[in-house]
Amino acid sequence: VFFDLETTGLEIIQLAAVSGGHSLNLYVVPRCRIERGAARVTGFKVRGQRLYLDRRLVFTNTLREVVVSFIAFLRMLGRPLVVGHNIDCPLLARALDELDLRAQFEGSVSGCVDTLPLTRELLRDCGLQSFGQENLVRELLGINYKAHDALEDVRALKTLYGFLQPTTEVVRRHMFTLGTMDSRPTVPWNKRTKRTSPSAGEFQTN
């Protein structure tokens, strides 16, 4: 399962996930104010406790409802591997701890993979200046897409992963759980630089 979070500061404002023909796309009204510069970049605005994206009103849930729905989505898919880019897993872990839902999440997945270190390993000799997801998709696939929209981001991540085709051995090297995440090398929290082991056939990531 590929997933992506859109945030304002450290608060989740959108969660999207895709796996095969299944998708999930949910929004949250943030508790903090969306700065004007961030609103220009993302298209998100809050007016009267209602969330708008590109001037269109979107249906929202509480953060708990969004995270519970994500866990249910994962359970439906039979403990898949969860794949995100850069800060998505740490931000998700933060929300899970805040809501006391970490155990439920960990029981619903086989592990996590962060594609930032994975792509750095696979593409270390390619001379790329940035391993941000938007740059990787543009440089490797020749695709420009609407970044800062979690659903577009996650679709792009799925396409990028399919292009890279990491081997089972590479994926295993980059697998972790939320419990072991704190011991991994830290990555600067910058979205623009934006986780018995199953066999290759059991890595349910698409």
N, C-alpha and C. Protein backbone atom coordinates (compact mmCIF):
# COMPACT_ATOMS: atom_id res chain seq x y z
N VAL A 1 0.85 -1.19 0.00
CA VAL A 1 0.00 0.00 0.00
C VAL A 1 0.89 1.24 0.00
N PHE A 2 0.67 2.11 -0.94
CA PHE A 2 1.38 3.38 -0.98
C PHE A 2 0.51 4.43 -0.30
N PHE A 3 1.14 5.28 0.52
CA PHE A 3 0.35 6.31 1.18
C PHE A 3 1.12 7.62 1.19
N ASP A 4 0.38 8.70 1.35
CA ASP A 4 0.98 10.02 1.42
C ASP A 4 0.16 10.90 2.35
N LEU A 5 0.84 11.79 3.04
CA LEU A 5 0.20 12.75 3.92
C LEU A 5 0.47 14.16 3.41
N GLU A 6 -0.55 14.98 3.40
CA GLU A 6 -0.36 16.42 3.20
C GLU A 6 -0.52 17.06 4.57
N THR A 7 0.36 17.99 4.88
CA THR A 7 0.35 18.57 6.22
C THR A 7 0.42 20.09 6.17
N THR A 8 0.02 20.69 7.27
CA THR A 8 0.27 22.11 7.50
C THR A 8 1.04 22.16 8.81
N GLY A 9 2.31 22.54 8.74
CA GLY A 9 3.17 22.36 9.90
C GLY A 9 3.37 20.86 10.11
N LEU A 10 3.06 20.38 11.29
CA LEU A 10 3.14 18.95 11.58
C LEU A 10 1.76 18.32 11.68
N GLU A 11 0.73 19.06 11.31
CA GLU A 11 -0.63 18.54 11.39
C GLU A 11 -1.07 17.95 10.07
N ILE A 12 -1.66 16.77 10.14
CA ILE A 12 -2.16 16.10 8.94
C ILE A 12 -3.43 16.79 8.47
N ILE A 13 -3.46 17.12 7.18
CA ILE A 13 -4.64 17.75 6.60
C ILE A 13 -5.29 16.85 5.55
N GLN A 14 -4.50 15.90 4.99
CA GLN A 14 -5.01 14.96 3.99
C GLN A 14 -4.22 13.67 4.07
N LEU A 15 -4.91 12.54 3.97
CA LEU A 15 -4.28 11.22 3.91
C LEU A 15 -4.84 10.50 2.70
N ALA A 16 -3.95 10.01 1.86
CA ALA A 16 -4.36 9.24 0.68
C ALA A 16 -3.56 7.95 0.62
N ALA A 17 -4.19 6.90 0.12
CA ALA A 17 -3.53 5.60 -0.02
C ALA A 17 -4.08 4.90 -1.26
N VAL A 18 -3.21 4.13 -1.93
CA VAL A 18 -3.64 3.35 -3.08
C VAL A 18 -3.02 1.96 -3.01
N SER A 19 -3.77 0.99 -3.49
CA SER A 19 -3.28 -0.39 -3.60
C SER A 19 -4.09 -1.07 -4.69
N GLY A 20 -3.44 -1.39 -5.81
CA GLY A 20 -4.18 -1.97 -6.91
C GLY A 20 -5.30 -1.03 -7.35
N GLY A 21 -6.52 -1.55 -7.39
CA GLY A 21 -7.67 -0.72 -7.76
C GLY A 21 -8.33 -0.05 -6.59
N HIS A 22 -7.78 -0.20 -5.38
CA HIS A 22 -8.36 0.39 -4.18
C HIS A 22 -7.68 1.72 -3.87
N SER A 23 -8.47 2.67 -3.39
CA SER A 23 -7.89 3.95 -3.00
C SER A 23 -8.65 4.54 -1.82
N LEU A 24 -7.98 5.41 -1.11
CA LEU A 24 -8.54 6.09 0.06
C LEU A 24 -8.06 7.53 0.00
N ASN A 25 -8.96 8.49 0.23
CA ASN A 25 -8.58 9.90 0.18
C ASN A 25 -9.44 10.65 1.18
N LEU A 26 -8.83 11.09 2.30
CA LEU A 26 -9.58 11.70 3.39
C LEU A 26 -8.93 13.00 3.83
N TYR A 27 -9.77 13.91 4.33
CA TYR A 27 -9.32 15.25 4.72
C TYR A 27 -9.64 15.53 6.18
N VAL A 28 -8.83 16.40 6.78
CA VAL A 28 -9.00 16.81 8.18
C VAL A 28 -8.90 18.33 8.25
N VAL A 29 -9.79 18.97 9.01
CA VAL A 29 -9.64 20.40 9.27
C VAL A 29 -8.52 20.57 10.29
N PRO A 30 -7.45 21.28 9.94
CA PRO A 30 -6.33 21.42 10.89
C PRO A 30 -6.71 22.28 12.08
N ARG A 31 -6.05 22.01 13.20
CA ARG A 31 -6.31 22.78 14.42
C ARG A 31 -5.60 24.12 14.39
N CYS A 32 -4.51 24.20 13.63
CA CYS A 32 -3.77 25.46 13.55
C CYS A 32 -4.11 26.19 12.26
N ARG A 33 -3.80 27.44 12.23
CA ARG A 33 -4.09 28.29 11.07
C ARG A 33 -3.17 27.92 9.91
N ILE A 34 -3.72 27.89 8.70
CA ILE A 34 -2.91 27.67 7.51
C ILE A 34 -2.33 29.00 7.08
N GLU A 35 -1.01 29.10 7.08
CA GLU A 35 -0.37 30.34 6.70
C GLU A 35 -0.66 30.68 5.23
N ARG A 36 -0.65 31.97 4.93
CA ARG A 36 -1.01 32.41 3.58
C ARG A 36 -0.09 31.81 2.52
N GLY A 37 1.20 31.74 2.80
CA GLY A 37 2.13 31.16 1.84
C GLY A 37 1.84 29.70 1.58
N ALA A 38 1.54 28.95 2.65
CA ALA A 38 1.21 27.54 2.51
C ALA A 38 -0.08 27.36 1.73
N ALA A 39 -1.05 28.24 1.97
CA ALA A 39 -2.32 28.16 1.25
C ALA A 39 -2.12 28.37 -0.25
N ARG A 40 -1.21 29.28 -0.60
CA ARG A 40 -0.94 29.52 -2.03
C ARG A 40 -0.32 28.29 -2.68
N VAL A 41 0.57 27.62 -1.96
CA VAL A 41 1.26 26.46 -2.52
C VAL A 41 0.33 25.25 -2.62
N THR A 42 -0.44 24.98 -1.56
CA THR A 42 -1.24 23.76 -1.49
C THR A 42 -2.65 23.91 -2.03
N GLY A 43 -3.18 25.12 -2.01
CA GLY A 43 -4.57 25.31 -2.42
C GLY A 43 -5.57 25.10 -1.30
N PHE A 44 -5.08 24.75 -0.09
CA PHE A 44 -5.97 24.53 1.05
C PHE A 44 -6.25 25.84 1.78
N LYS A 45 -7.52 26.04 2.15
CA LYS A 45 -7.91 27.17 3.00
C LYS A 45 -9.00 26.70 3.95
N VAL A 46 -9.03 27.30 5.14
CA VAL A 46 -10.07 27.01 6.12
C VAL A 46 -10.90 28.27 6.32
N ARG A 47 -12.22 28.11 6.20
CA ARG A 47 -13.14 29.21 6.45
C ARG A 47 -14.28 28.68 7.31
N GLY A 48 -14.44 29.26 8.49
CA GLY A 48 -15.53 28.85 9.36
C GLY A 48 -15.53 27.37 9.68
N GLN A 49 -14.36 26.81 9.99
CA GLN A 49 -14.19 25.39 10.29
C GLN A 49 -14.56 24.47 9.13
N ARG A 50 -14.53 25.01 7.93
CA ARG A 50 -14.71 24.20 6.73
C ARG A 50 -13.44 24.27 5.89
N LEU A 51 -13.10 23.14 5.28
CA LEU A 51 -11.87 23.05 4.51
C LEU A 51 -12.17 23.15 3.02
N TYR A 52 -11.40 23.99 2.35
CA TYR A 52 -11.55 24.17 0.90
C TYR A 52 -10.23 23.82 0.22
N LEU A 53 -10.34 23.15 -0.91
CA LEU A 53 -9.18 22.84 -1.75
C LEU A 53 -9.43 23.44 -3.12
N ASP A 54 -8.57 24.36 -3.50
CA ASP A 54 -8.74 25.08 -4.77
C ASP A 54 -10.15 25.65 -4.87
N ARG A 55 -10.60 26.26 -3.76
CA ARG A 55 -11.90 26.94 -3.64
C ARG A 55 -13.08 25.99 -3.64
N ARG A 56 -12.83 24.70 -3.58
CA ARG A 56 -13.90 23.71 -3.56
C ARG A 56 -14.02 23.12 -2.15
N LEU A 57 -15.23 23.14 -1.60
CA LEU A 57 -15.46 22.58 -0.28
C LEU A 57 -15.23 21.07 -0.31
N VAL A 58 -14.44 20.56 0.64
CA VAL A 58 -14.20 19.11 0.71
C VAL A 58 -14.78 18.57 2.01
N PHE A 59 -15.25 17.33 1.96
CA PHE A 59 -15.80 16.67 3.14
C PHE A 59 -14.66 16.29 4.08
N THR A 60 -14.82 16.56 5.35
CA THR A 60 -13.74 16.30 6.31
C THR A 60 -14.20 15.36 7.41
N ASN A 61 -13.22 14.73 8.05
CA ASN A 61 -13.42 13.89 9.22
C ASN A 61 -12.48 14.36 10.30
N THR A 62 -12.67 13.84 11.51
CA THR A 62 -11.69 14.10 12.55
C THR A 62 -10.43 13.29 12.24
N LEU A 63 -9.31 13.67 12.84
CA LEU A 63 -8.07 12.93 12.63
C LEU A 63 -8.24 11.48 13.06
N ARG A 64 -8.93 11.25 14.17
CA ARG A 64 -9.15 9.87 14.63
C ARG A 64 -9.93 9.08 13.58
N GLU A 65 -10.97 9.66 13.04
CA GLU A 65 -11.77 8.95 12.03
C GLU A 65 -10.93 8.63 10.79
N VAL A 66 -10.08 9.55 10.41
CA VAL A 66 -9.22 9.33 9.24
C VAL A 66 -8.24 8.19 9.49
N VAL A 67 -7.59 8.20 10.64
CA VAL A 67 -6.60 7.17 10.94
C VAL A 67 -7.27 5.81 11.12
N VAL A 68 -8.42 5.77 11.78
CA VAL A 68 -9.15 4.51 11.94
C VAL A 68 -9.57 3.97 10.57
N SER A 69 -10.00 4.84 9.67
CA SER A 69 -10.37 4.41 8.32
C SER A 69 -9.16 3.86 7.57
N PHE A 70 -8.00 4.47 7.76
CA PHE A 70 -6.77 3.98 7.13
C PHE A 70 -6.42 2.59 7.65
N ILE A 71 -6.53 2.39 8.95
CA ILE A 71 -6.24 1.07 9.53
C ILE A 71 -7.21 0.03 8.98
N ALA A 72 -8.50 0.39 8.85
CA ALA A 72 -9.49 -0.53 8.29
C ALA A 72 -9.15 -0.87 6.83
N PHE A 73 -8.68 0.12 6.09
CA PHE A 73 -8.26 -0.08 4.70
C PHE A 73 -7.11 -1.08 4.64
N LEU A 74 -6.15 -0.95 5.54
CA LEU A 74 -5.02 -1.87 5.58
C LEU A 74 -5.45 -3.28 5.95
N ARG A 75 -6.34 -3.39 6.91
CA ARG A 75 -6.82 -4.72 7.32
C ARG A 75 -7.55 -5.41 6.18
N MET A 76 -8.29 -4.65 5.41
CA MET A 76 -9.01 -5.21 4.26
C MET A 76 -8.03 -5.84 3.27
N LEU A 77 -6.82 -5.31 3.21
CA LEU A 77 -5.83 -5.77 2.24
C LEU A 77 -4.90 -6.84 2.81
N GLY A 78 -5.12 -7.26 4.05
CA GLY A 78 -4.38 -8.41 4.59
C GLY A 78 -2.95 -8.14 5.00
N ARG A 79 -2.74 -7.18 5.90
CA ARG A 79 -1.42 -6.86 6.45
C ARG A 79 -0.39 -6.57 5.35
N PRO A 80 -0.62 -5.56 4.56
CA PRO A 80 0.32 -5.22 3.48
C PRO A 80 1.56 -4.51 3.99
N LEU A 81 2.52 -4.37 3.12
CA LEU A 81 3.67 -3.50 3.36
C LEU A 81 3.21 -2.07 3.05
N VAL A 82 3.57 -1.12 3.91
CA VAL A 82 3.15 0.27 3.75
C VAL A 82 4.35 1.09 3.27
N VAL A 83 4.18 1.80 2.17
CA VAL A 83 5.28 2.53 1.54
C VAL A 83 4.96 4.02 1.48
N GLY A 84 5.87 4.83 2.02
CA GLY A 84 5.74 6.28 1.96
C GLY A 84 7.09 6.90 1.65
N HIS A 85 7.10 8.21 1.45
CA HIS A 85 8.36 8.89 1.10
C HIS A 85 8.72 9.92 2.16
N ASN A 86 9.90 9.76 2.74
CA ASN A 86 10.51 10.71 3.67
C ASN A 86 9.73 10.83 4.98
N ILE A 87 9.05 11.94 5.21
CA ILE A 87 8.51 12.20 6.54
C ILE A 87 7.17 11.54 6.81
N ASP A 88 6.60 10.85 5.82
CA ASP A 88 5.24 10.35 5.99
C ASP A 88 5.13 9.34 7.14
N CYS A 89 6.06 8.41 7.24
CA CYS A 89 5.98 7.43 8.34
C CYS A 89 6.18 8.08 9.71
N PRO A 90 7.17 8.96 9.89
CA PRO A 90 7.28 9.64 11.20
C PRO A 90 6.05 10.45 11.57
N LEU A 91 5.46 11.14 10.60
CA LEU A 91 4.26 11.92 10.90
C LEU A 91 3.08 11.02 11.23
N LEU A 92 2.97 9.90 10.52
CA LEU A 92 1.91 8.95 10.82
C LEU A 92 2.10 8.37 12.22
N ALA A 93 3.35 8.02 12.56
CA ALA A 93 3.64 7.48 13.89
C ALA A 93 3.26 8.48 14.97
N ARG A 94 3.54 9.74 14.74
CA ARG A 94 3.18 10.79 15.70
C ARG A 94 1.67 10.83 15.93
N ALA A 95 0.90 10.75 14.84
CA ALA A 95 -0.56 10.76 14.96
C ALA A 95 -1.07 9.50 15.65
N LEU A 96 -0.48 8.36 15.32
CA LEU A 96 -0.90 7.10 15.96
C LEU A 96 -0.66 7.14 17.46
N ASP A 97 0.48 7.70 17.87
CA ASP A 97 0.76 7.81 19.30
C ASP A 97 -0.19 8.79 19.98
N GLU A 98 -0.46 9.90 19.32
CA GLU A 98 -1.38 10.89 19.87
C GLU A 98 -2.77 10.30 20.10
N LEU A 99 -3.19 9.41 19.20
CA LEU A 99 -4.52 8.82 19.26
C LEU A 99 -4.54 7.46 19.94
N ASP A 100 -3.37 7.00 20.40
CA ASP A 100 -3.25 5.69 21.05
C ASP A 100 -3.71 4.57 20.11
N LEU A 101 -3.28 4.64 18.85
CA LEU A 101 -3.68 3.65 17.84
C LEU A 101 -2.49 2.91 17.23
N ARG A 102 -1.32 3.07 17.83
CA ARG A 102 -0.12 2.43 17.25
C ARG A 102 -0.26 0.92 17.20
N ALA A 103 -0.74 0.30 18.26
CA ALA A 103 -0.85 -1.16 18.30
C ALA A 103 -1.79 -1.66 17.21
N GLN A 104 -2.91 -0.97 17.01
CA GLN A 104 -3.86 -1.37 15.98
C GLN A 104 -3.23 -1.27 14.59
N PHE A 105 -2.46 -0.21 14.37
CA PHE A 105 -1.79 -0.06 13.07
C PHE A 105 -0.76 -1.16 12.87
N GLU A 106 0.09 -1.39 13.87
CA GLU A 106 1.16 -2.38 13.71
C GLU A 106 0.61 -3.78 13.50
N GLY A 107 -0.58 -4.06 14.05
CA GLY A 107 -1.20 -5.36 13.83
C GLY A 107 -1.85 -5.49 12.46
N SER A 108 -1.88 -4.39 11.71
CA SER A 108 -2.55 -4.38 10.40
C SER A 108 -1.58 -4.35 9.23
N VAL A 109 -0.27 -4.28 9.50
CA VAL A 109 0.72 -4.18 8.43
C VAL A 109 1.85 -5.19 8.64
N SER A 110 2.56 -5.51 7.57
CA SER A 110 3.72 -6.40 7.68
C SER A 110 5.01 -5.62 7.90
N GLY A 111 4.96 -4.32 7.69
CA GLY A 111 6.13 -3.47 7.86
C GLY A 111 5.97 -2.19 7.07
N CYS A 112 6.98 -1.33 7.16
CA CYS A 112 6.97 -0.04 6.46
C CYS A 112 8.26 0.10 5.65
N VAL A 113 8.19 0.90 4.60
CA VAL A 113 9.36 1.22 3.79
C VAL A 113 9.34 2.71 3.49
N ASP A 114 10.47 3.36 3.68
CA ASP A 114 10.64 4.77 3.30
C ASP A 114 11.40 4.78 1.97
N THR A 115 10.78 5.31 0.94
CA THR A 115 11.41 5.28 -0.38
C THR A 115 12.53 6.31 -0.55
N LEU A 116 12.70 7.21 0.42
CA LEU A 116 13.82 8.16 0.30
C LEU A 116 15.17 7.44 0.40
N PRO A 117 15.48 6.71 1.47
CA PRO A 117 16.76 5.98 1.50
C PRO A 117 16.82 4.87 0.45
N LEU A 118 15.67 4.30 0.12
CA LEU A 118 15.66 3.24 -0.90
C LEU A 118 16.10 3.80 -2.25
N THR A 119 15.56 4.96 -2.64
CA THR A 119 15.96 5.55 -3.92
C THR A 119 17.39 6.05 -3.88
N ARG A 120 17.83 6.53 -2.72
CA ARG A 120 19.23 6.95 -2.61
C ARG A 120 20.17 5.78 -2.85
N GLU A 121 19.79 4.59 -2.39
CA GLU A 121 20.63 3.41 -2.63
C GLU A 121 20.59 3.00 -4.10
N LEU A 122 19.40 2.94 -4.66
CA LEU A 122 19.26 2.46 -6.03
C LEU A 122 19.84 3.43 -7.05
N LEU A 123 19.80 4.72 -6.74
CA LEU A 123 20.18 5.74 -7.72
C LEU A 123 21.42 6.52 -7.32
N ARG A 124 22.25 5.93 -6.46
CA ARG A 124 23.39 6.67 -5.92
C ARG A 124 24.40 7.09 -6.99
N ASP A 125 24.42 6.40 -8.13
CA ASP A 125 25.38 6.74 -9.18
C ASP A 125 24.76 7.52 -10.34
N CYS A 126 23.56 8.04 -10.11
CA CYS A 126 22.85 8.72 -11.21
C CYS A 126 23.07 10.22 -11.25
N GLY A 127 23.77 10.76 -10.25
CA GLY A 127 24.07 12.19 -10.26
C GLY A 127 22.89 13.10 -9.99
N LEU A 128 21.86 12.58 -9.34
CA LEU A 128 20.70 13.40 -9.03
C LEU A 128 21.03 14.42 -7.95
N GLN A 129 20.54 15.64 -8.11
CA GLN A 129 20.78 16.69 -7.13
C GLN A 129 19.79 16.63 -5.98
N SER A 130 18.62 16.05 -6.22
CA SER A 130 17.59 15.98 -5.19
C SER A 130 16.88 14.64 -5.28
N PHE A 131 16.59 14.07 -4.11
CA PHE A 131 15.82 12.83 -4.05
C PHE A 131 14.40 13.10 -3.55
N GLY A 132 13.98 14.35 -3.65
CA GLY A 132 12.58 14.67 -3.38
C GLY A 132 11.70 13.95 -4.39
N GLN A 133 10.52 13.54 -3.95
CA GLN A 133 9.67 12.74 -4.82
C GLN A 133 9.32 13.47 -6.12
N GLU A 134 8.96 14.73 -6.01
CA GLU A 134 8.58 15.48 -7.21
C GLU A 134 9.72 15.52 -8.22
N ASN A 135 10.95 15.72 -7.73
CA ASN A 135 12.11 15.75 -8.62
C ASN A 135 12.39 14.38 -9.22
N LEU A 136 12.27 13.32 -8.42
CA LEU A 136 12.50 11.97 -8.94
C LEU A 136 11.53 11.63 -10.05
N VAL A 137 10.26 11.96 -9.84
CA VAL A 137 9.24 11.66 -10.85
C VAL A 137 9.51 12.45 -12.13
N ARG A 138 9.91 13.69 -11.98
CA ARG A 138 10.20 14.52 -13.15
C ARG A 138 11.44 14.03 -13.89
N GLU A 139 12.53 13.75 -13.15
CA GLU A 139 13.79 13.36 -13.78
C GLU A 139 13.75 11.96 -14.38
N LEU A 140 13.12 11.02 -13.68
CA LEU A 140 13.14 9.62 -14.12
C LEU A 140 12.00 9.27 -15.06
N LEU A 141 10.84 9.88 -14.84
CA LEU A 141 9.66 9.51 -15.62
C LEU A 141 9.24 10.59 -16.61
N GLY A 142 9.81 11.78 -16.47
CA GLY A 142 9.42 12.87 -17.36
C GLY A 142 8.01 13.35 -17.12
N ILE A 143 7.55 13.23 -15.87
CA ILE A 143 6.17 13.57 -15.52
C ILE A 143 6.16 14.73 -14.53
N ASN A 144 5.36 15.73 -14.83
CA ASN A 144 5.06 16.79 -13.87
C ASN A 144 3.64 16.56 -13.37
N TYR A 145 3.45 16.61 -12.08
CA TYR A 145 2.12 16.34 -11.52
C TYR A 145 1.81 17.36 -10.44
N LYS A 146 0.58 17.32 -9.95
CA LYS A 146 0.14 18.28 -8.94
C LYS A 146 0.65 17.83 -7.57
N ALA A 147 1.84 18.29 -7.21
CA ALA A 147 2.36 17.99 -5.88
C ALA A 147 1.54 18.76 -4.85
N HIS A 148 1.68 18.39 -3.58
CA HIS A 148 0.94 19.00 -2.47
C HIS A 148 -0.53 18.61 -2.48
N ASP A 149 -0.87 17.59 -3.24
CA ASP A 149 -2.17 16.92 -3.15
C ASP A 149 -1.83 15.47 -2.87
N ALA A 150 -2.23 14.97 -1.70
CA ALA A 150 -1.79 13.63 -1.27
C ALA A 150 -2.18 12.55 -2.26
N LEU A 151 -3.36 12.67 -2.88
CA LEU A 151 -3.78 11.63 -3.81
C LEU A 151 -2.90 11.63 -5.06
N GLU A 152 -2.57 12.81 -5.58
CA GLU A 152 -1.67 12.88 -6.73
C GLU A 152 -0.27 12.43 -6.34
N ASP A 153 0.17 12.81 -5.15
CA ASP A 153 1.49 12.39 -4.67
C ASP A 153 1.59 10.87 -4.58
N VAL A 154 0.56 10.24 -4.03
CA VAL A 154 0.64 8.80 -3.81
C VAL A 154 0.55 8.03 -5.13
N ARG A 155 -0.22 8.53 -6.06
CA ARG A 155 -0.25 7.90 -7.39
C ARG A 155 1.11 8.01 -8.07
N ALA A 156 1.74 9.17 -7.91
CA ALA A 156 3.07 9.36 -8.49
C ALA A 156 4.09 8.44 -7.82
N LEU A 157 3.97 8.26 -6.50
CA LEU A 157 4.88 7.38 -5.77
C LEU A 157 4.73 5.94 -6.25
N LYS A 158 3.50 5.51 -6.45
CA LYS A 158 3.27 4.15 -6.95
C LYS A 158 3.91 3.96 -8.32
N THR A 159 3.76 4.94 -9.20
CA THR A 159 4.36 4.87 -10.53
C THR A 159 5.88 4.84 -10.45
N LEU A 160 6.44 5.67 -9.58
CA LEU A 160 7.89 5.71 -9.39
C LEU A 160 8.42 4.37 -8.89
N TYR A 161 7.74 3.78 -7.91
CA TYR A 161 8.15 2.50 -7.34
C TYR A 161 8.11 1.41 -8.42
N GLY A 162 7.07 1.43 -9.24
CA GLY A 162 6.97 0.46 -10.32
C GLY A 162 8.09 0.60 -11.33
N PHE A 163 8.52 1.84 -11.56
CA PHE A 163 9.64 2.09 -12.47
C PHE A 163 10.95 1.57 -11.88
N LEU A 164 11.15 1.78 -10.59
CA LEU A 164 12.40 1.39 -9.94
C LEU A 164 12.52 -0.12 -9.79
N GLN A 165 11.40 -0.81 -9.56
CA GLN A 165 11.37 -2.26 -9.39
C GLN A 165 12.46 -2.76 -8.43
N PRO A 166 12.45 -2.30 -7.19
CA PRO A 166 13.46 -2.77 -6.23
C PRO A 166 13.32 -4.27 -5.99
N THR A 167 14.44 -4.94 -5.82
CA THR A 167 14.42 -6.38 -5.57
C THR A 167 13.94 -6.66 -4.15
N THR A 168 13.59 -7.91 -3.90
CA THR A 168 13.17 -8.32 -2.56
C THR A 168 14.25 -8.02 -1.54
N GLU A 169 15.51 -8.26 -1.91
CA GLU A 169 16.63 -8.02 -0.99
C GLU A 169 16.73 -6.54 -0.62
N VAL A 170 16.58 -5.66 -1.61
CA VAL A 170 16.64 -4.22 -1.34
C VAL A 170 15.48 -3.80 -0.45
N VAL A 171 14.30 -4.27 -0.76
CA VAL A 171 13.13 -3.91 0.05
C VAL A 171 13.32 -4.37 1.49
N ARG A 172 13.81 -5.58 1.68
CA ARG A 172 14.02 -6.09 3.04
C ARG A 172 15.01 -5.23 3.82
N ARG A 173 16.03 -4.74 3.14
CA ARG A 173 17.02 -3.89 3.81
C ARG A 173 16.39 -2.59 4.32
N HIS A 174 15.34 -2.15 3.66
CA HIS A 174 14.74 -0.87 4.02
C HIS A 174 13.44 -1.02 4.81
N MET A 175 13.06 -2.25 5.13
CA MET A 175 11.85 -2.46 5.92
C MET A 175 12.09 -2.12 7.38
N PHE A 176 11.08 -1.58 8.03
CA PHE A 176 11.15 -1.31 9.46
C PHE A 176 9.74 -1.30 10.02
N THR A 177 9.65 -1.33 11.33
CA THR A 177 8.37 -1.15 12.02
C THR A 177 8.41 0.20 12.72
N LEU A 178 7.27 0.67 13.17
CA LEU A 178 7.25 1.93 13.91
C LEU A 178 8.07 1.80 15.18
N GLY A 179 8.13 0.59 15.74
CA GLY A 179 8.90 0.38 16.95
C GLY A 179 10.39 0.51 16.74
N THR A 180 10.87 0.19 15.53
CA THR A 180 12.30 0.30 15.24
C THR A 180 12.65 1.59 14.50
N MET A 181 11.65 2.37 14.15
CA MET A 181 11.89 3.58 13.36
C MET A 181 12.79 4.57 14.07
N ASP A 182 12.65 4.68 15.39
CA ASP A 182 13.43 5.67 16.14
C ASP A 182 14.93 5.41 16.08
N SER A 183 15.32 4.16 15.80
CA SER A 183 16.74 3.83 15.75
C SER A 183 17.34 4.00 14.36
N ARG A 184 16.48 4.34 13.37
CA ARG A 184 16.97 4.53 12.01
C ARG A 184 17.66 5.88 11.88
N PRO A 185 18.57 6.03 10.89
CA PRO A 185 19.20 7.34 10.66
C PRO A 185 18.13 8.38 10.39
N THR A 186 18.30 9.55 10.97
CA THR A 186 17.29 10.58 10.81
C THR A 186 17.42 11.27 9.47
N VAL A 187 16.28 11.75 8.98
CA VAL A 187 16.22 12.49 7.72
C VAL A 187 15.61 13.84 8.02
N PRO A 188 16.17 14.94 7.50
CA PRO A 188 15.57 16.25 7.74
C PRO A 188 14.10 16.26 7.31
N TRP A 189 13.26 16.83 8.14
CA TRP A 189 11.83 16.83 7.86
C TRP A 189 11.51 17.91 6.85
N ASN A 190 11.70 17.58 5.60
CA ASN A 190 11.43 18.50 4.51
C ASN A 190 10.64 17.74 3.48
N LYS A 191 9.38 18.06 3.35
CA LYS A 191 8.49 17.31 2.46
C LYS A 191 9.02 17.26 1.04
N ARG A 192 9.79 18.23 0.64
CA ARG A 192 10.26 18.27 -0.74
C ARG A 192 11.37 17.26 -0.99
N THR A 193 12.01 16.73 0.05
CA THR A 193 12.97 15.64 -0.14
C THR A 193 12.19 14.33 -0.02
N LYS A 194 11.08 14.73 -0.25
CA LYS A 194 10.03 13.70 -0.08
C LYS A 194 9.88 12.97 -1.43
N ARG A 195 8.76 1.23 4.10
CA ARG A 195 9.41 1.68 5.23
C ARG A 195 9.58 0.22 5.38
N THR A 196 8.13 -13.92 10.40
CA THR A 196 8.90 -14.47 9.29
C THR A 196 8.79 -13.47 8.14
N SER A 197 9.93 -12.42 7.31
CA SER A 197 9.85 -11.45 6.23
C SER A 197 9.12 -12.06 5.04
N PRO A 198 8.20 -11.29 4.40
CA PRO A 198 7.48 -11.83 3.26
C PRO A 198 8.38 -11.98 2.04
N SER A 199 7.96 -12.85 1.14
CA SER A 199 8.69 -13.02 -0.12
C SER A 199 8.34 -11.87 -1.05
N ALA A 200 9.01 -11.82 -2.19
CA ALA A 200 8.75 -10.73 -3.14
C ALA A 200 7.29 -10.71 -3.55
N GLY A 201 6.71 -11.88 -3.75
CA GLY A 201 5.32 -11.94 -4.15
C GLY A 201 4.36 -11.51 -3.07
N GLU A 202 4.83 -11.50 -1.84
CA GLU A 202 3.97 -11.14 -0.72
C GLU A 202 4.10 -9.67 -0.34
N PHE A 203 4.99 -8.93 -1.01
CA PHE A 203 5.08 -7.49 -0.75
C PHE A 203 3.92 -6.81 -1.44
N GLN A 204 2.82 -6.61 -0.71
CA GLN A 204 1.62 -6.06 -1.32
C GLN A 204 1.72 -4.54 -1.32
N THR A 205 2.38 -4.01 -2.32
CA THR A 205 2.59 -2.57 -2.36
C THR A 205 1.85 -1.89 -3.50
N ASN A 206 1.20 -2.65 -4.37
CA ASN A 206 0.58 -2.00 -5.52
C ASN A 206 -0.90 -2.28 -5.60
